């Protein structure tokens, strides 16, 4: 059984590599697999196409123990095993314990775990980033790793891991500066305007 599973994973990784090659995508650097835990934020998130690309590079970059969040209802039906097999982990949106605390508990109970999130929280153009991923990383005391999807170059880039600091504004500027140059599938829904807005706001303050 173990050998069969190992062979299956090797085959699956080969197929994902073939998919990225046929689609013309490449990774420009490696994922920090020396880490045991991290919050991974992936962006810009502008299309459903981001999901299979992220799944492919999870395999290509050999990112183990990586999960994404899904509402608990998805895991209770007959297709729940598919979401789990694809790396989903449930959160209860109606629990008295907020989503942030639920995910922090997952980190606290695991020896190795990566949770992947979209910093925008939606495929639509946003005026500001969500903060849930940031507070998860801070409360769980795990680093943040940024993964960028650039459709213009068809490149996946990975940042150096970093821990949150006492200067939240500076941390978010760092995040926005990483994602701002990247072109999503729908280029008008990226994060470039967030950097422009931040610079404009800082200039007004000065």
Protein backbone atom coordinates (compact mmCIF):
# COMPACT_ATOMS: atom_id res chain seq x y z
CA UNK A 1 0.00 0.00 0.00
CA UNK A 2 2.81 2.41 0.91
CA UNK A 3 4.72 1.58 -2.28
CA UNK A 4 1.56 2.07 -4.36
CA UNK A 5 0.98 5.46 -2.78
CA UNK A 6 4.60 6.44 -3.38
CA UNK A 7 4.34 5.43 -7.05
CA UNK A 8 1.08 7.34 -7.39
CA UNK A 9 2.64 10.52 -6.00
CA UNK A 10 5.59 10.20 -8.36
CA UNK A 11 3.21 9.78 -11.28
CA UNK A 12 1.10 12.71 -10.14
CA UNK A 13 4.15 14.94 -9.81
CA UNK A 14 5.23 13.97 -13.33
CA UNK A 15 1.78 14.89 -14.66
CA UNK A 16 1.82 18.26 -12.88
CA UNK A 17 5.28 18.97 -14.29
CA UNK A 18 4.00 18.08 -17.74
CA UNK A 19 1.01 20.38 -17.24
CA UNK A 20 3.21 23.35 -16.29
CA UNK A 21 5.50 22.69 -19.25
CA UNK A 22 2.61 22.48 -21.71
CA UNK A 23 1.12 25.68 -20.27
CA UNK A 24 4.50 27.42 -20.44
CA UNK A 25 4.83 28.11 -16.71
CA UNK A 26 8.06 27.94 -14.73
CA UNK A 27 9.26 28.52 -11.18
CA UNK A 28 11.99 31.14 -10.89
CA UNK A 29 13.17 30.05 -7.44
CA UNK A 30 12.70 27.36 -4.82
CA UNK A 31 10.26 27.09 -1.93
CA UNK A 32 11.85 27.20 1.57
CA UNK A 33 11.13 23.56 2.35
CA UNK A 34 13.38 23.70 5.40
CA UNK A 35 10.44 25.31 7.21
CA UNK A 36 8.07 23.17 9.25
CA UNK A 37 5.22 25.68 9.33
CA UNK A 38 4.20 28.83 7.47
CA UNK A 39 1.30 30.86 6.18
CA UNK A 40 1.55 30.95 2.39
CA UNK A 41 -0.16 33.84 0.63
CA UNK A 42 -0.71 33.41 -3.11
CA UNK A 43 -1.55 36.22 -5.48
CA UNK A 44 -2.64 38.13 -7.37
CA UNK A 45 -5.83 36.07 -7.26
CA UNK A 46 -7.96 37.09 -10.24
CA UNK A 47 -9.28 33.85 -11.77
CA UNK A 48 -10.26 30.25 -11.06
CA UNK A 49 -7.23 29.29 -13.16
CA UNK A 50 -5.01 30.21 -10.20
CA UNK A 51 -6.11 27.06 -8.36
CA UNK A 52 -4.79 24.41 -10.78
CA UNK A 53 -1.57 26.40 -11.25
CA UNK A 54 -1.09 26.58 -7.48
CA UNK A 55 -1.86 22.86 -7.18
CA UNK A 56 0.66 22.08 -9.91
CA UNK A 57 3.46 24.07 -8.30
CA UNK A 58 2.67 22.66 -4.87
CA UNK A 59 3.76 19.36 -6.41
CA UNK A 60 6.55 20.71 -8.64
CA UNK A 61 8.15 22.64 -5.76
CA UNK A 62 7.63 19.62 -3.50
CA UNK A 63 5.69 21.57 -0.88
CA UNK A 64 4.53 18.95 1.60
CA UNK A 65 1.88 19.30 4.31
CA UNK A 66 0.28 22.21 2.42
CA UNK A 67 -3.42 22.90 2.96
CA UNK A 68 -5.99 25.44 1.89
CA UNK A 69 -9.04 26.50 3.87
CA UNK A 70 -12.59 25.55 2.95
CA UNK A 71 -15.94 26.00 4.62
CA UNK A 72 -16.82 23.03 6.81
CA UNK A 73 -19.98 22.24 4.82
CA UNK A 74 -17.89 21.16 1.83
CA UNK A 75 -16.29 18.37 3.83
CA UNK A 76 -19.51 16.84 5.16
CA UNK A 77 -21.05 15.71 1.88
CA UNK A 78 -20.24 12.67 -0.27
CA UNK A 79 -17.58 14.66 -2.11
CA UNK A 80 -15.82 15.77 1.07
CA UNK A 81 -12.99 13.30 0.53
CA UNK A 82 -12.13 15.05 -2.76
CA UNK A 83 -11.60 18.38 -1.01
CA UNK A 84 -9.42 16.68 1.59
CA UNK A 85 -7.46 14.81 -1.09
CA UNK A 86 -6.83 18.12 -2.85
CA UNK A 87 -5.42 19.54 0.35
CA UNK A 88 -8.45 21.23 1.86
CA UNK A 89 -8.91 21.64 5.60
CA UNK A 90 -12.28 22.73 7.06
CA UNK A 91 -13.09 25.82 9.10
CA UNK A 92 -16.45 26.52 10.70
CA UNK A 93 -17.58 30.01 9.72
CA UNK A 94 -20.30 29.94 12.39
CA UNK A 95 -18.17 28.78 15.30
CA UNK A 96 -17.85 31.03 18.36
CA UNK A 97 -14.14 30.61 17.76
CA UNK A 98 -13.26 32.80 14.78
CA UNK A 99 -11.55 31.48 11.69
CA UNK A 100 -8.24 32.99 12.81
CA UNK A 101 -8.32 31.12 16.12
CA UNK A 102 -9.37 27.89 14.42
CA UNK A 103 -6.41 28.03 12.05
CA UNK A 104 -4.03 28.98 14.84
CA UNK A 105 -5.18 25.87 16.69
CA UNK A 106 -4.43 23.78 13.60
CA UNK A 107 -0.89 25.15 13.61
CA UNK A 108 -0.52 24.53 17.34
CA UNK A 109 -1.64 20.91 16.96
CA UNK A 110 0.59 20.09 14.00
CA UNK A 111 4.30 19.37 13.81
CA UNK A 112 4.42 20.40 10.17
CA UNK A 113 1.83 22.50 8.36
CA UNK A 114 1.50 25.08 5.63
CA UNK A 115 -1.76 26.97 5.13
CA UNK A 116 -2.25 28.70 1.78
CA UNK A 117 -4.51 31.76 1.53
CA UNK A 118 -5.33 34.55 -0.85
CA UNK A 119 -4.35 37.93 0.63
CA UNK A 120 -7.21 39.53 -1.32
CA UNK A 121 -9.80 36.99 -0.20
CA UNK A 122 -11.62 37.28 -3.54
CA UNK A 123 -10.98 37.27 -7.29
CA UNK A 124 -12.33 40.80 -7.62
CA UNK A 125 -10.33 44.03 -7.47
CA UNK A 126 -9.90 45.09 -3.85
CA UNK A 127 -9.17 48.41 -2.17
CA UNK A 128 -7.19 46.74 0.62
CA UNK A 129 -5.89 43.33 1.57
CA UNK A 130 -7.55 41.07 4.10
CA UNK A 131 -5.82 40.84 7.46
CA UNK A 132 -6.82 37.33 8.55
CA UNK A 133 -3.71 35.65 7.17
CA UNK A 134 -1.53 38.23 8.93
CA UNK A 135 -3.14 37.69 12.33
CA UNK A 136 -2.94 33.92 11.89
CA UNK A 137 0.81 34.17 11.30
CA UNK A 138 1.26 36.52 14.24
CA UNK A 139 -0.79 34.50 16.74
CA UNK A 140 0.66 31.15 15.63
CA UNK A 141 4.19 32.61 15.53
CA UNK A 142 4.87 31.22 12.06
CA UNK A 143 6.48 32.98 9.10
CA UNK A 144 4.72 34.26 6.00
CA UNK A 145 5.86 33.09 2.57
CA UNK A 146 4.61 34.99 -0.47
CA UNK A 147 4.02 33.14 -3.74
CA UNK A 148 3.43 35.26 -6.83
CA UNK A 149 1.64 34.21 -10.02
CA UNK A 150 2.71 36.36 -12.97
CA UNK A 151 0.59 35.59 -16.04
CA UNK A 152 2.53 38.07 -18.20
CA UNK A 153 5.75 36.10 -17.76
CA UNK A 154 4.11 32.80 -16.77
CA UNK A 155 6.36 32.68 -13.74
CA UNK A 156 5.86 31.57 -10.16
CA UNK A 157 8.08 33.40 -7.68
CA UNK A 158 8.61 32.70 -3.99
CA UNK A 159 9.68 35.25 -1.38
CA UNK A 160 12.00 34.75 1.53
CA UNK A 161 9.99 33.83 4.65
CA UNK A 162 9.46 36.60 7.16
CA UNK A 163 7.81 36.97 10.54
CA UNK A 164 5.34 39.70 11.36
CA UNK A 165 6.70 42.66 13.31
CA UNK A 166 5.27 45.32 15.58
CA UNK A 167 4.97 47.60 12.53
CA UNK A 168 1.93 46.22 10.73
CA UNK A 169 1.89 49.04 8.17
CA UNK A 170 5.49 48.30 7.17
CA UNK A 171 4.72 44.57 6.94
CA UNK A 172 1.80 45.20 4.60
CA UNK A 173 3.88 47.56 2.49
CA UNK A 174 6.42 44.76 2.10
CA UNK A 175 3.65 42.40 1.01
CA UNK A 176 2.13 44.85 -1.46
CA UNK A 177 5.56 45.70 -2.93
CA UNK A 178 6.11 41.99 -3.66
CA UNK A 179 2.79 41.48 -5.42
CA UNK A 180 2.32 44.89 -7.09
CA UNK A 181 4.53 44.24 -10.17
CA UNK A 182 2.89 40.88 -10.89
CA UNK A 183 0.21 40.59 -13.55
CA UNK A 184 -2.77 38.39 -12.78
CA UNK A 185 -4.85 36.75 -15.49
CA UNK A 186 -7.10 39.81 -15.33
CA UNK A 187 -4.42 42.45 -15.16
CA UNK A 188 -6.73 45.26 -14.02
CA UNK A 189 -7.50 43.27 -10.86
CA UNK A 190 -3.95 42.95 -9.55
CA UNK A 191 -2.34 44.85 -6.66
CA UNK A 192 -0.44 47.58 -8.46
CA UNK A 193 -3.03 50.18 -7.50
CA UNK A 194 -2.64 49.27 -3.82
CA UNK A 195 1.00 50.32 -3.92
CA UNK A 196 0.13 53.54 -5.74
CA UNK A 197 -2.56 54.30 -3.15
CA UNK A 198 -0.17 53.56 -0.28
CA UNK A 199 2.54 55.82 -1.70
CA UNK A 200 -0.02 58.57 -2.30
CA UNK A 201 -1.34 58.24 1.27
CA UNK A 202 2.16 58.37 2.74
CA UNK A 203 3.00 61.46 0.69
CA UNK A 204 -0.14 63.19 1.94
CA UNK A 205 0.82 62.35 5.52
CA UNK A 206 4.27 63.82 5.01
